Each structure stands twice: as C-alpha cells, then as structure tokens.
Amino acid sequence: MLDPVILFFVLGITAGLLRSELRLPAAVYELVTIVLLLAIGLKGGIELAKQPLGQLLPQMVAVVTMGFFLALIAFPVLRRLGRLQRADAASIAAHYGSVSVGTYAVAVAYLGSRQVPFEEHMPLLLVLMEVPAILVGIILARGVSRSTKWGSVLHEVFLGKGIVLLLGGLLIGWAAGPDGVTPLEPLFVDLFKGILALFLLEMGIITAAQLTGLRRYGLFLVGFGVAMPLFSAVVGTATAYLLGISLGGTVILATLAASASYIAVPAAMRISVPEANPTLSLAAALGITFPFNVLLGIPIYHAMATLVHG
C-alpha cells in the first residue's frame, strides 16, 4: 500500500496533467516550505546536541567528497552521450551532485511508517551536500576567471533561503537541546507528515508542468533522470556501509545521493551560468528524477541497503 503522502503527490501530478485549477496559494506554499525545512533542521540539531561534532567528521568529509564526485561523473555523460552544450551539461551535473530536501523528507516519512530508525544528524549531511556540486558546476561551465562573480555565488549558496532555514533549524535544535524544543513539537513534529503531504501536492502540480519540456528534448534526459539516481544510490549505499552507518541511515544517504536539487542549485546557476537553459535541468530533476525517487526509488534503495546490511 502506498503511503498517503505519496498519494498526495500522485493527486498533484494528475491534477496538473488534467490542467486542473488546483494550486496551493503562493503564501501557503511558502509557509509549508519554511515549516518543512525548519522541522528537518531542528531534528538534526537535537541529535547534534547529543554527540560530539568530532565523531561526525568522517561522515562530513565523505559526503562533501561524494558531492564533488557525482557532479564530475554526470558532466561527461551529459556532454558526450547527451551532446548538450557545455553550460547546460554543467548545470544539470550540478543539480545531480546536489540534493533534494523534498526527497529527503519523503524518505524520512517512508522509514518512519516502517519504524526503521536512522541517525538523526542526517540533516547536517544534507546541508553539506548542497554546496560542492554548485561549485563544480560553475567551474565546469566557466572555469575560474576574473569574470566569475564569486561574491554573488557564495551569497546565493550560503545565504539562500533553503540553506539559512536548514542551518538555522540545526543551530536552534543544537542550542536548545531535546528539552528546549519540546514546546515546538506540536508544529514541527506532530504535523510533519501533514505539512509534507501539502508540499508533495504542490510538487506534483509543478512536476506535471515540467513534463511538457521532456517532449521537446527527447529520450536522453528521461534515461539520464532514471539511470543517474540509480548509480548515485549505489555510491551512497557503498559510502554509508564503509562509514558504518545503520540500515536506515544507509537508505537516507542513498536517497540523498540519488536526489537532484531543484531549489538551491537553480538559484545559483541563474546567477553564475545564466546562459544555461533552466528548462532542461528542471525537466530532468523535477519531471523525471523526483517522481521516480518518490514512487519507486526509495523502496529500491531500502532493498539495496537491506541487502548490503543483511
């Protein structure tokens, strides 16, 4: 049986494909996104308060390295097999080296419904994986030159809404600790799945809009949008296993590796690589990879992690 939050995503796609007038008001979608990001950050911060940061250093280094690696692997595939322009290939590679907060939230709900525990500091790893691929994408597209507006790039990367909310939630959860966050649990814990359901409803509508772009650019992006997450999930699973992460944590890290950014990276690419076509990146990331991960990918990664740990 599909998790109800997944059915909200299916409802959104269906409504979008049928050209329904259904949309969340912009202010409501903004609020839902803010609550979701803060909730994820707070959970990670609470876990950070329970353990020394030094113990997490190997995992932090590993996920940053993985972000660089995945973007560097994706670029030649897009450039040579897909025959995409350099800027477009670099931009898409950056999307697939980075992570999707929405996909992470679905994975958390998936494991929660099956009572599979995982390391709660995963939001910290999520934040760390946002950055490397963006830098790789910019360098692949432009190289390092005096014309690169690094000030604007770094501002967009580190002070974008998503990063600020995730890091802010982490710091608040870390500073307040488990007892201090207790009064906030009715909003950020008890209502998490309801907020996620509304988020996925809107994401389904947005996904349906991106599907039209895939007709224009052929089957390559469809194949890439499925094959790249599967490859990345294998890398994430192997990395988690080598780091001694639990079964649930392995599923989460595999999901993070397999996801593609549709918030932080598009904003950064818009500033740094304006000649890249955003329709290509979003059509692949939102039109193919996001629904694949939500509907099929996460159960596959769970089975993969179970096999490795079994």
C-alpha atoms as a PDB file:
ATOM      1  CA  MET A   1       0.000   0.000   0.000  1.00  0.00           C
ATOM      2  CA  LEU A   2       1.323   3.444  -0.918  1.00  0.00           C
ATOM      3  CA  ASP A   3       1.964   5.882   1.901  1.00  0.00           C
ATOM      4  CA  PRO A   4      -0.787   8.547   1.934  1.00  0.00           C
ATOM      5  CA  VAL A   5       1.769  11.335   1.451  1.00  0.00           C
ATOM      6  CA  ILE A   6       2.794   9.686  -1.853  1.00  0.00           C
ATOM      7  CA  LEU A   7      -0.846   9.656  -2.919  1.00  0.00           C
ATOM      8  CA  PHE A   8      -0.923  13.432  -2.421  1.00  0.00           C
ATOM      9  CA  PHE A   9       1.953  13.650  -4.921  1.00  0.00           C
ATOM     10  CA  VAL A  10       0.040  11.439  -7.367  1.00  0.00           C
ATOM     11  CA  LEU A  11      -3.012  13.673  -6.917  1.00  0.00           C
ATOM     12  CA  GLY A  12      -0.912  16.734  -7.742  1.00  0.00           C
ATOM     13  CA  ILE A  13       0.532  15.169 -10.918  1.00  0.00           C
ATOM     14  CA  THR A  14      -2.916  14.029 -12.024  1.00  0.00           C
ATOM     15  CA  ALA A  15      -4.438  17.453 -11.418  1.00  0.00           C
ATOM     16  CA  GLY A  16      -1.587  19.115 -13.296  1.00  0.00           C
ATOM     17  CA  LEU A  17      -1.792  16.789 -16.300  1.00  0.00           C
ATOM     18  CA  LEU A  18      -5.552  17.317 -16.471  1.00  0.00           C
ATOM     19  CA  ARG A  19      -4.953  21.085 -16.331  1.00  0.00           C
ATOM     20  CA  SER A  20      -6.990  21.493 -13.180  1.00  0.00           C
ATOM     21  CA  GLU A  21      -7.090  24.895 -11.499  1.00  0.00           C
ATOM     22  CA  LEU A  22      -5.851  23.271  -8.282  1.00  0.00           C
ATOM     23  CA  ARG A  23      -2.843  25.158  -6.826  1.00  0.00           C
ATOM     24  CA  LEU A  24      -1.740  25.998  -3.337  1.00  0.00           C
ATOM     25  CA  PRO A  25      -1.763  29.770  -2.786  1.00  0.00           C
ATOM     26  CA  ALA A  26       1.783  31.116  -3.080  1.00  0.00           C
ATOM     27  CA  ALA A  27       1.812  32.244   0.563  1.00  0.00           C
ATOM     28  CA  VAL A  28       0.654  28.815   1.755  1.00  0.00           C
ATOM     29  CA  TYR A  29       3.302  27.010  -0.302  1.00  0.00           C
ATOM     30  CA  GLU A  30       5.938  29.380   1.065  1.00  0.00           C
ATOM     31  CA  LEU A  31       4.820  28.680   4.638  1.00  0.00           C
ATOM     32  CA  VAL A  32       4.739  24.915   4.045  1.00  0.00           C
ATOM     33  CA  THR A  33       8.293  25.014   2.655  1.00  0.00           C
ATOM     34  CA  ILE A  34       9.575  27.076   5.591  1.00  0.00           C
ATOM     35  CA  VAL A  35       7.999  24.761   8.193  1.00  0.00           C
ATOM     36  CA  LEU A  36       9.335  21.668   6.398  1.00  0.00           C
ATOM     37  CA  LEU A  37      12.899  22.990   6.215  1.00  0.00           C
ATOM     38  CA  LEU A  38      12.895  24.159   9.834  1.00  0.00           C
ATOM     39  CA  ALA A  39      11.466  20.832  11.027  1.00  0.00           C
ATOM     40  CA  ILE A  40      14.229  18.903   9.267  1.00  0.00           C
ATOM     41  CA  GLY A  41      16.881  21.241  10.658  1.00  0.00           C
ATOM     42  CA  LEU A  42      15.534  21.084  14.212  1.00  0.00           C
ATOM     43  CA  LYS A  43      15.583  17.276  14.246  1.00  0.00           C
ATOM     44  CA  GLY A  44      19.192  17.285  13.121  1.00  0.00           C
ATOM     45  CA  GLY A  45      20.161  19.924  15.662  1.00  0.00           C
ATOM     46  CA  ILE A  46      18.625  17.951  18.532  1.00  0.00           C
ATOM     47  CA  GLU A  47      20.762  14.946  17.570  1.00  0.00           C
ATOM     48  CA  LEU A  48      23.883  17.123  17.295  1.00  0.00           C
ATOM     49  CA  ALA A  49      23.317  18.218  20.892  1.00  0.00           C
ATOM     50  CA  LYS A  50      23.595  14.575  21.975  1.00  0.00           C
ATOM     51  CA  GLN A  51      27.019  13.793  20.483  1.00  0.00           C
ATOM     52  CA  PRO A  52      30.396  15.477  19.902  1.00  0.00           C
ATOM     53  CA  LEU A  53      30.754  17.041  16.467  1.00  0.00           C
ATOM     54  CA  GLY A  54      34.189  15.437  16.101  1.00  0.00           C
ATOM     55  CA  GLN A  55      32.622  11.977  15.835  1.00  0.00           C
ATOM     56  CA  LEU A  56      30.742  13.097  12.741  1.00  0.00           C
ATOM     57  CA  LEU A  57      33.797  14.495  10.942  1.00  0.00           C
ATOM     58  CA  PRO A  58      34.486  11.377   8.796  1.00  0.00           C
ATOM     59  CA  GLN A  59      30.894  11.367   7.559  1.00  0.00           C
ATOM     60  CA  MET A  60      31.002  15.110   6.862  1.00  0.00           C
ATOM     61  CA  VAL A  61      34.175  14.773   4.787  1.00  0.00           C
ATOM     62  CA  ALA A  62      32.769  11.740   2.956  1.00  0.00           C
ATOM     63  CA  VAL A  63      29.527  13.402   1.851  1.00  0.00           C
ATOM     64  CA  VAL A  64      31.329  16.538   0.638  1.00  0.00           C
ATOM     65  CA  THR A  65      33.654  14.334  -1.417  1.00  0.00           C
ATOM     66  CA  MET A  66      30.671  12.420  -2.744  1.00  0.00           C
ATOM     67  CA  GLY A  67      29.007  15.664  -3.868  1.00  0.00           C
ATOM     68  CA  PHE A  68      32.090  16.598  -5.896  1.00  0.00           C
ATOM     69  CA  PHE A  69      32.382  13.072  -7.325  1.00  0.00           C
ATOM     70  CA  LEU A  70      28.772  12.734  -8.502  1.00  0.00           C
ATOM     71  CA  ALA A  71      28.810  16.083 -10.307  1.00  0.00           C
ATOM     72  CA  LEU A  72      32.117  15.219 -12.016  1.00  0.00           C
ATOM     73  CA  ILE A  73      30.730  11.846 -13.142  1.00  0.00           C
ATOM     74  CA  ALA A  74      27.498  13.336 -14.501  1.00  0.00           C
ATOM     75  CA  PHE A  75      29.173  16.040 -16.592  1.00  0.00           C
ATOM     76  CA  PRO A  76      30.983  13.880 -19.218  1.00  0.00           C
ATOM     77  CA  VAL A  77      27.880  11.698 -19.599  1.00  0.00           C
ATOM     78  CA  LEU A  78      25.745  14.747 -20.350  1.00  0.00           C
ATOM     79  CA  ARG A  79      28.384  16.307 -22.580  1.00  0.00           C
ATOM     80  CA  ARG A  80      29.351  13.278 -24.671  1.00  0.00           C
ATOM     81  CA  LEU A  81      26.355  10.974 -24.668  1.00  0.00           C
ATOM     82  CA  GLY A  82      23.724  13.699 -24.408  1.00  0.00           C
ATOM     83  CA  ARG A  83      25.667  16.108 -26.644  1.00  0.00           C
ATOM     84  CA  LEU A  84      24.481  19.015 -24.567  1.00  0.00           C
ATOM     85  CA  GLN A  85      26.080  22.442 -24.606  1.00  0.00           C
ATOM     86  CA  ARG A  86      28.825  22.883 -22.010  1.00  0.00           C
ATOM     87  CA  ALA A  87      26.788  25.278 -19.865  1.00  0.00           C
ATOM     88  CA  ASP A  88      23.723  23.015 -19.902  1.00  0.00           C
ATOM     89  CA  ALA A  89      25.758  19.899 -19.090  1.00  0.00           C
ATOM     90  CA  ALA A  90      27.499  21.681 -16.205  1.00  0.00           C
ATOM     91  CA  SER A  91      24.211  23.000 -14.834  1.00  0.00           C
ATOM     92  CA  ILE A  92      22.477  19.605 -14.920  1.00  0.00           C
ATOM     93  CA  ALA A  93      25.553  17.942 -13.381  1.00  0.00           C
ATOM     94  CA  ALA A  94      25.383  20.422 -10.510  1.00  0.00           C
ATOM     95  CA  HIS A  95      21.713  19.586  -9.944  1.00  0.00           C
ATOM     96  CA  TYR A  96      22.500  15.866  -9.731  1.00  0.00           C
ATOM     97  CA  GLY A  97      25.529  16.297  -7.488  1.00  0.00           C
ATOM     98  CA  SER A  98      23.420  18.257  -5.020  1.00  0.00           C
ATOM     99  CA  VAL A  99      20.384  17.112  -3.003  1.00  0.00           C
ATOM    100  CA  SER A 100      16.605  17.476  -2.778  1.00  0.00           C
ATOM    101  CA  VAL A 101      15.125  18.394   0.596  1.00  0.00           C
ATOM    102  CA  GLY A 102      11.699  17.205  -0.563  1.00  0.00           C
ATOM    103  CA  THR A 103      13.022  13.751  -1.459  1.00  0.00           C
ATOM    104  CA  TYR A 104      14.806  13.575   1.890  1.00  0.00           C
ATOM    105  CA  ALA A 105      11.557  14.387   3.699  1.00  0.00           C
ATOM    106  CA  VAL A 106       9.742  11.621   1.812  1.00  0.00           C
ATOM    107  CA  ALA A 107      12.487   9.144   2.771  1.00  0.00           C
ATOM    108  CA  VAL A 108      12.135  10.176   6.430  1.00  0.00           C
ATOM    109  CA  ALA A 109       8.365   9.612   6.267  1.00  0.00           C
ATOM    110  CA  TYR A 110       8.899   6.276   4.460  1.00  0.00           C
ATOM    111  CA  LEU A 111      11.250   4.977   7.164  1.00  0.00           C
ATOM    112  CA  GLY A 112       9.044   6.362   9.929  1.00  0.00           C
ATOM    113  CA  SER A 113       5.994   4.483   8.630  1.00  0.00           C
ATOM    114  CA  ARG A 114       8.064   1.264   8.711  1.00  0.00           C
ATOM    115  CA  GLN A 115       9.612   2.041  12.098  1.00  0.00           C
ATOM    116  CA  VAL A 116      13.145   1.907  10.693  1.00  0.00           C
ATOM    117  CA  PRO A 117      15.463   4.080  12.840  1.00  0.00           C
ATOM    118  CA  PHE A 118      18.256   6.169  11.364  1.00  0.00           C
ATOM    119  CA  GLU A 119      20.880   8.649  12.523  1.00  0.00           C
ATOM    120  CA  GLU A 120      19.131  11.942  13.235  1.00  0.00           C
ATOM    121  CA  HIS A 121      22.132  14.052  12.210  1.00  0.00           C
ATOM    122  CA  MET A 122      21.366  13.381   8.536  1.00  0.00           C
ATOM    123  CA  PRO A 123      20.123  16.996   8.011  1.00  0.00           C
ATOM    124  CA  LEU A 124      23.702  18.113   8.677  1.00  0.00           C
ATOM    125  CA  LEU A 125      24.918  15.868   5.851  1.00  0.00           C
ATOM    126  CA  LEU A 126      22.105  17.192   3.646  1.00  0.00           C
ATOM    127  CA  VAL A 127      23.304  20.770   4.139  1.00  0.00           C
ATOM    128  CA  LEU A 128      26.908  19.818   3.410  1.00  0.00           C
ATOM    129  CA  MET A 129      25.951  18.095   0.148  1.00  0.00           C
ATOM    130  CA  GLU A 130      24.235  21.218  -1.193  1.00  0.00           C
ATOM    131  CA  VAL A 131      27.453  23.152  -1.729  1.00  0.00           C
ATOM    132  CA  PRO A 132      30.164  21.087  -3.538  1.00  0.00           C
ATOM    133  CA  ALA A 133      28.194  20.364  -6.696  1.00  0.00           C
ATOM    134  CA  ILE A 134      27.314  24.038  -7.159  1.00  0.00           C
ATOM    135  CA  LEU A 135      30.983  24.986  -7.134  1.00  0.00           C
ATOM    136  CA  VAL A 136      31.824  22.125  -9.536  1.00  0.00           C
ATOM    137  CA  GLY A 137      29.031  23.179 -11.899  1.00  0.00           C
ATOM    138  CA  ILE A 138      30.256  26.761 -12.055  1.00  0.00           C
ATOM    139  CA  ILE A 139      33.864  25.735 -12.680  1.00  0.00           C
ATOM    140  CA  LEU A 140      32.865  23.192 -15.351  1.00  0.00           C
ATOM    141  CA  ALA A 141      30.763  25.798 -17.142  1.00  0.00           C
ATOM    142  CA  ARG A 142      33.115  28.751 -16.924  1.00  0.00           C
ATOM    143  CA  GLY A 143      36.440  27.732 -15.498  1.00  0.00           C
ATOM    144  CA  VAL A 144      37.997  30.008 -12.900  1.00  0.00           C
ATOM    145  CA  SER A 145      38.346  33.537 -14.201  1.00  0.00           C
ATOM    146  CA  ARG A 146      38.201  37.143 -13.053  1.00  0.00           C
ATOM    147  CA  SER A 147      34.741  37.499 -14.563  1.00  0.00           C
ATOM    148  CA  THR A 148      33.252  34.966 -12.143  1.00  0.00           C
ATOM    149  CA  LYS A 149      31.151  36.818  -9.594  1.00  0.00           C
ATOM    150  CA  TRP A 150      32.186  34.735  -6.609  1.00  0.00           C
ATOM    151  CA  GLY A 151      30.673  37.152  -4.123  1.00  0.00           C
ATOM    152  CA  SER A 152      27.202  36.739  -5.642  1.00  0.00           C
ATOM    153  CA  VAL A 153      27.687  32.999  -5.997  1.00  0.00           C
ATOM    154  CA  LEU A 154      28.753  32.469  -2.392  1.00  0.00           C
ATOM    155  CA  HIS A 155      25.944  34.714  -1.166  1.00  0.00           C
ATOM    156  CA  GLU A 156      23.384  32.671  -3.111  1.00  0.00           C
ATOM    157  CA  VAL A 157      24.868  29.353  -1.993  1.00  0.00           C
ATOM    158  CA  PHE A 158      25.292  30.051   1.708  1.00  0.00           C
ATOM    159  CA  LEU A 159      22.560  32.638   2.279  1.00  0.00           C
ATOM    160  CA  GLY A 160      19.837  31.176   0.070  1.00  0.00           C
ATOM    161  CA  LYS A 161      16.542  30.532   1.826  1.00  0.00           C
ATOM    162  CA  GLY A 162      16.925  26.766   1.966  1.00  0.00           C
ATOM    163  CA  ILE A 163      20.408  26.768   3.492  1.00  0.00           C
ATOM    164  CA  VAL A 164      19.559  29.510   6.007  1.00  0.00           C
ATOM    165  CA  LEU A 165      16.457  27.663   7.225  1.00  0.00           C
ATOM    166  CA  LEU A 166      18.187  24.285   7.455  1.00  0.00           C
ATOM    167  CA  LEU A 167      21.254  25.695   9.193  1.00  0.00           C
ATOM    168  CA  GLY A 168      19.104  27.919  11.392  1.00  0.00           C
ATOM    169  CA  GLY A 169      16.996  24.934  12.448  1.00  0.00           C
ATOM    170  CA  LEU A 170      20.142  22.908  13.130  1.00  0.00           C
ATOM    171  CA  LEU A 171      21.614  25.634  15.321  1.00  0.00           C
ATOM    172  CA  ILE A 172      18.355  26.204  17.204  1.00  0.00           C
ATOM    173  CA  GLY A 173      17.904  22.472  17.822  1.00  0.00           C
ATOM    174  CA  TRP A 174      21.545  22.149  18.894  1.00  0.00           C
ATOM    175  CA  ALA A 175      21.390  25.159  21.232  1.00  0.00           C
ATOM    176  CA  ALA A 176      18.003  24.326  22.774  1.00  0.00           C
ATOM    177  CA  GLY A 177      18.501  20.569  23.047  1.00  0.00           C
ATOM    178  CA  PRO A 178      15.720  17.957  23.290  1.00  0.00           C
ATOM    179  CA  ASP A 179      14.012  19.564  26.301  1.00  0.00           C
ATOM    180  CA  GLY A 180      14.077  23.069  24.874  1.00  0.00           C
ATOM    181  CA  VAL A 181      12.441  22.033  21.622  1.00  0.00           C
ATOM    182  CA  THR A 182       9.598  20.134  23.333  1.00  0.00           C
ATOM    183  CA  PRO A 183       7.126  23.091  23.218  1.00  0.00           C
ATOM    184  CA  LEU A 184       7.621  23.291  19.436  1.00  0.00           C
ATOM    185  CA  GLU A 185       6.849  19.632  18.780  1.00  0.00           C
ATOM    186  CA  PRO A 186       3.108  20.111  18.022  1.00  0.00           C
ATOM    187  CA  LEU A 187       4.035  22.118  14.907  1.00  0.00           C
ATOM    188  CA  PHE A 188       7.387  20.726  13.797  1.00  0.00           C
ATOM    189  CA  VAL A 189       6.998  17.061  14.806  1.00  0.00           C
ATOM    190  CA  ASP A 190       3.333  16.123  15.155  1.00  0.00           C
ATOM    191  CA  LEU A 191       2.265  17.896  11.948  1.00  0.00           C
ATOM    192  CA  PHE A 192       5.325  16.903   9.895  1.00  0.00           C
ATOM    193  CA  LYS A 193       3.568  14.364   7.672  1.00  0.00           C
ATOM    194  CA  GLY A 194       0.601  16.671   7.101  1.00  0.00           C
ATOM    195  CA  ILE A 195       2.914  19.502   6.051  1.00  0.00           C
ATOM    196  CA  LEU A 196       4.819  17.079   3.819  1.00  0.00           C
ATOM    197  CA  ALA A 197       1.560  15.964   2.184  1.00  0.00           C
ATOM    198  CA  LEU A 198       0.704  19.578   1.235  1.00  0.00           C
ATOM    199  CA  PHE A 199       4.251  20.102  -0.046  1.00  0.00           C
ATOM    200  CA  LEU A 200       4.040  16.999  -2.240  1.00  0.00           C
ATOM    201  CA  LEU A 201       0.639  18.032  -3.574  1.00  0.00           C
ATOM    202  CA  GLU A 202       2.143  21.248  -4.908  1.00  0.00           C
ATOM    203  CA  MET A 203       5.280  19.444  -6.105  1.00  0.00           C
ATOM    204  CA  GLY A 204       3.086  17.076  -8.108  1.00  0.00           C
ATOM    205  CA  ILE A 205       1.445  20.025  -9.861  1.00  0.00           C
ATOM    206  CA  ILE A 206       4.858  21.580 -10.590  1.00  0.00           C
ATOM    207  CA  THR A 207       6.180  18.223 -11.852  1.00  0.00           C
ATOM    208  CA  ALA A 208       3.305  17.907 -14.318  1.00  0.00           C
ATOM    209  CA  ALA A 209       4.214  21.318 -15.745  1.00  0.00           C
ATOM    210  CA  GLN A 210       7.837  20.216 -16.267  1.00  0.00           C
ATOM    211  CA  LEU A 211       6.845  17.047 -18.135  1.00  0.00           C
ATOM    212  CA  THR A 212       5.980  19.094 -21.223  1.00  0.00           C
ATOM    213  CA  GLY A 213       9.628  20.122 -21.557  1.00  0.00           C
ATOM    214  CA  LEU A 214      10.702  16.492 -21.849  1.00  0.00           C
ATOM    215  CA  ARG A 215       8.823  16.029 -25.118  1.00  0.00           C
ATOM    216  CA  ARG A 216      10.941  18.761 -26.638  1.00  0.00           C
ATOM    217  CA  TYR A 217      14.336  17.420 -25.613  1.00  0.00           C
ATOM    218  CA  GLY A 218      13.991  13.706 -26.341  1.00  0.00           C
ATOM    219  CA  LEU A 219      14.534  10.470 -24.508  1.00  0.00           C
ATOM    220  CA  PHE A 220      18.085  11.108 -23.320  1.00  0.00           C
ATOM    221  CA  LEU A 221      17.029  13.182 -20.302  1.00  0.00           C
ATOM    222  CA  VAL A 222      14.446  10.535 -19.401  1.00  0.00           C
ATOM    223  CA  GLY A 223      17.110   7.831 -19.394  1.00  0.00           C
ATOM    224  CA  PHE A 224      19.579  10.035 -17.550  1.00  0.00           C
ATOM    225  CA  GLY A 225      16.943  11.057 -14.990  1.00  0.00           C
ATOM    226  CA  VAL A 226      16.479   7.390 -14.029  1.00  0.00           C
ATOM    227  CA  ALA A 227      19.964   5.927 -14.553  1.00  0.00           C
ATOM    228  CA  MET A 228      21.888   8.655 -12.727  1.00  0.00           C
ATOM    229  CA  PRO A 229      19.891   8.318  -9.470  1.00  0.00           C
ATOM    230  CA  LEU A 230      20.359   4.540  -9.514  1.00  0.00           C
ATOM    231  CA  PHE A 231      24.118   4.910  -9.984  1.00  0.00           C
ATOM    232  CA  SER A 232      24.297   7.619  -7.318  1.00  0.00           C
ATOM    233  CA  ALA A 233      22.308   5.463  -4.905  1.00  0.00           C
ATOM    234  CA  VAL A 234      24.884   2.690  -5.292  1.00  0.00           C
ATOM    235  CA  VAL A 235      27.629   5.206  -4.476  1.00  0.00           C
ATOM    236  CA  GLY A 236      25.658   6.475  -1.474  1.00  0.00           C
ATOM    237  CA  THR A 237      24.961   2.951  -0.220  1.00  0.00           C
ATOM    238  CA  ALA A 238      28.631   1.964  -0.505  1.00  0.00           C
ATOM    239  CA  THR A 239      29.721   5.159   1.259  1.00  0.00           C
ATOM    240  CA  ALA A 240      27.256   4.603   4.110  1.00  0.00           C
ATOM    241  CA  TYR A 241      28.349   0.996   4.522  1.00  0.00           C
ATOM    242  CA  LEU A 242      32.037   1.931   4.675  1.00  0.00           C
ATOM    243  CA  LEU A 243      31.238   4.603   7.276  1.00  0.00           C
ATOM    244  CA  GLY A 244      29.377   2.085   9.439  1.00  0.00           C
ATOM    245  CA  ILE A 245      26.035   3.868   9.144  1.00  0.00           C
ATOM    246  CA  SER A 246      22.877   1.976  10.151  1.00  0.00           C
ATOM    247  CA  LEU A 247      20.366   0.418   7.762  1.00  0.00           C
ATOM    248  CA  GLY A 248      18.030   3.401   7.978  1.00  0.00           C
ATOM    249  CA  GLY A 249      20.918   5.850   7.628  1.00  0.00           C
ATOM    250  CA  THR A 250      22.106   3.965   4.556  1.00  0.00           C
ATOM    251  CA  VAL A 251      18.670   4.406   2.969  1.00  0.00           C
ATOM    252  CA  ILE A 252      18.774   8.118   3.745  1.00  0.00           C
ATOM    253  CA  LEU A 253      22.302   8.622   2.379  1.00  0.00           C
ATOM    254  CA  ALA A 254      21.491   6.610  -0.753  1.00  0.00           C
ATOM    255  CA  THR A 255      18.380   8.764  -1.236  1.00  0.00           C
ATOM    256  CA  LEU A 256      20.351  11.971  -0.771  1.00  0.00           C
ATOM    257  CA  ALA A 257      22.924  10.816  -3.330  1.00  0.00           C
ATOM    258  CA  ALA A 258      20.163   9.814  -5.767  1.00  0.00           C
ATOM    259  CA  SER A 259      18.190  13.052  -5.440  1.00  0.00           C
ATOM    260  CA  ALA A 260      18.592  16.147  -7.589  1.00  0.00           C
ATOM    261  CA  SER A 261      18.316  19.718  -6.353  1.00  0.00           C
ATOM    262  CA  TYR A 262      15.505  21.959  -7.568  1.00  0.00           C
ATOM    263  CA  ILE A 263      15.867  24.854  -5.082  1.00  0.00           C
ATOM    264  CA  ALA A 264      19.443  25.856  -4.229  1.00  0.00           C
ATOM    265  CA  VAL A 265      21.179  24.859  -7.482  1.00  0.00           C
ATOM    266  CA  PRO A 266      18.731  26.547  -9.912  1.00  0.00           C
ATOM    267  CA  ALA A 267      19.109  29.799  -7.984  1.00  0.00           C
ATOM    268  CA  ALA A 268      22.903  29.607  -8.024  1.00  0.00           C
ATOM    269  CA  MET A 269      23.056  28.622 -11.707  1.00  0.00           C
ATOM    270  CA  ARG A 270      20.756  31.503 -12.626  1.00  0.00           C
ATOM    271  CA  ILE A 271      23.330  33.933 -11.230  1.00  0.00           C
ATOM    272  CA  SER A 272      26.558  32.218 -12.261  1.00  0.00           C
ATOM    273  CA  VAL A 273      25.659  30.424 -15.525  1.00  0.00           C
ATOM    274  CA  PRO A 274      22.782  32.471 -16.969  1.00  0.00           C
ATOM    275  CA  GLU A 275      23.291  31.009 -20.463  1.00  0.00           C
ATOM    276  CA  ALA A 276      22.292  27.520 -19.224  1.00  0.00           C
ATOM    277  CA  ASN A 277      18.725  26.546 -20.090  1.00  0.00           C
ATOM    278  CA  PRO A 278      16.877  26.041 -16.762  1.00  0.00           C
ATOM    279  CA  THR A 279      14.098  24.099 -18.502  1.00  0.00           C
ATOM    280  CA  LEU A 280      16.488  21.225 -19.216  1.00  0.00           C
ATOM    281  CA  SER A 281      17.653  20.969 -15.611  1.00  0.00           C
ATOM    282  CA  LEU A 282      14.216  21.249 -14.055  1.00  0.00           C
ATOM    283  CA  ALA A 283      12.607  18.915 -16.593  1.00  0.00           C
ATOM    284  CA  ALA A 284      15.114  16.199 -15.654  1.00  0.00           C
ATOM    285  CA  ALA A 285      15.254  16.881 -11.906  1.00  0.00           C
ATOM    286  CA  LEU A 286      11.549  17.561 -11.335  1.00  0.00           C
ATOM    287  CA  GLY A 287       9.930  15.864 -14.310  1.00  0.00           C
ATOM    288  CA  ILE A 288      11.781  12.541 -14.031  1.00  0.00           C
ATOM    289  CA  THR A 289      14.080  12.086 -11.040  1.00  0.00           C
ATOM    290  CA  PHE A 290      11.838  13.481  -8.296  1.00  0.00           C
ATOM    291  CA  PRO A 291       8.782  11.348  -9.178  1.00  0.00           C
ATOM    292  CA  PHE A 292      11.000   8.306  -9.830  1.00  0.00           C
ATOM    293  CA  ASN A 293      12.574   8.617  -6.386  1.00  0.00           C
ATOM    294  CA  VAL A 294       9.283   9.282  -4.621  1.00  0.00           C
ATOM    295  CA  LEU A 295       7.323   6.490  -6.294  1.00  0.00           C
ATOM    296  CA  LEU A 296       9.958   3.800  -6.961  1.00  0.00           C
ATOM    297  CA  GLY A 297      13.465   4.866  -5.975  1.00  0.00           C
ATOM    298  CA  ILE A 298      13.213   4.978  -2.175  1.00  0.00           C
ATOM    299  CA  PRO A 299      11.828   1.403  -1.892  1.00  0.00           C
ATOM    300  CA  ILE A 300      14.637   0.269  -4.245  1.00  0.00           C
ATOM    301  CA  TYR A 301      17.247   1.989  -2.073  1.00  0.00           C
ATOM    302  CA  HIS A 302      15.700   0.386   1.010  1.00  0.00           C
ATOM    303  CA  ALA A 303      16.007  -3.046  -0.604  1.00  0.00           C
ATOM    304  CA  MET A 304      19.584  -2.243  -1.641  1.00  0.00           C
ATOM    305  CA  ALA A 305      20.523  -1.202   1.899  1.00  0.00           C
ATOM    306  CA  THR A 306      18.834  -4.282   3.358  1.00  0.00           C
ATOM    307  CA  LEU A 307      20.839  -6.499   1.024  1.00  0.00           C
ATOM    308  CA  VAL A 308      24.110  -4.819   1.979  1.00  0.00           C
ATOM    309  CA  HIS A 309      23.409  -4.968   5.715  1.00  0.00           C
ATOM    310  CA  GLY A 310      21.946  -8.468   5.502  1.00  0.00           C
END
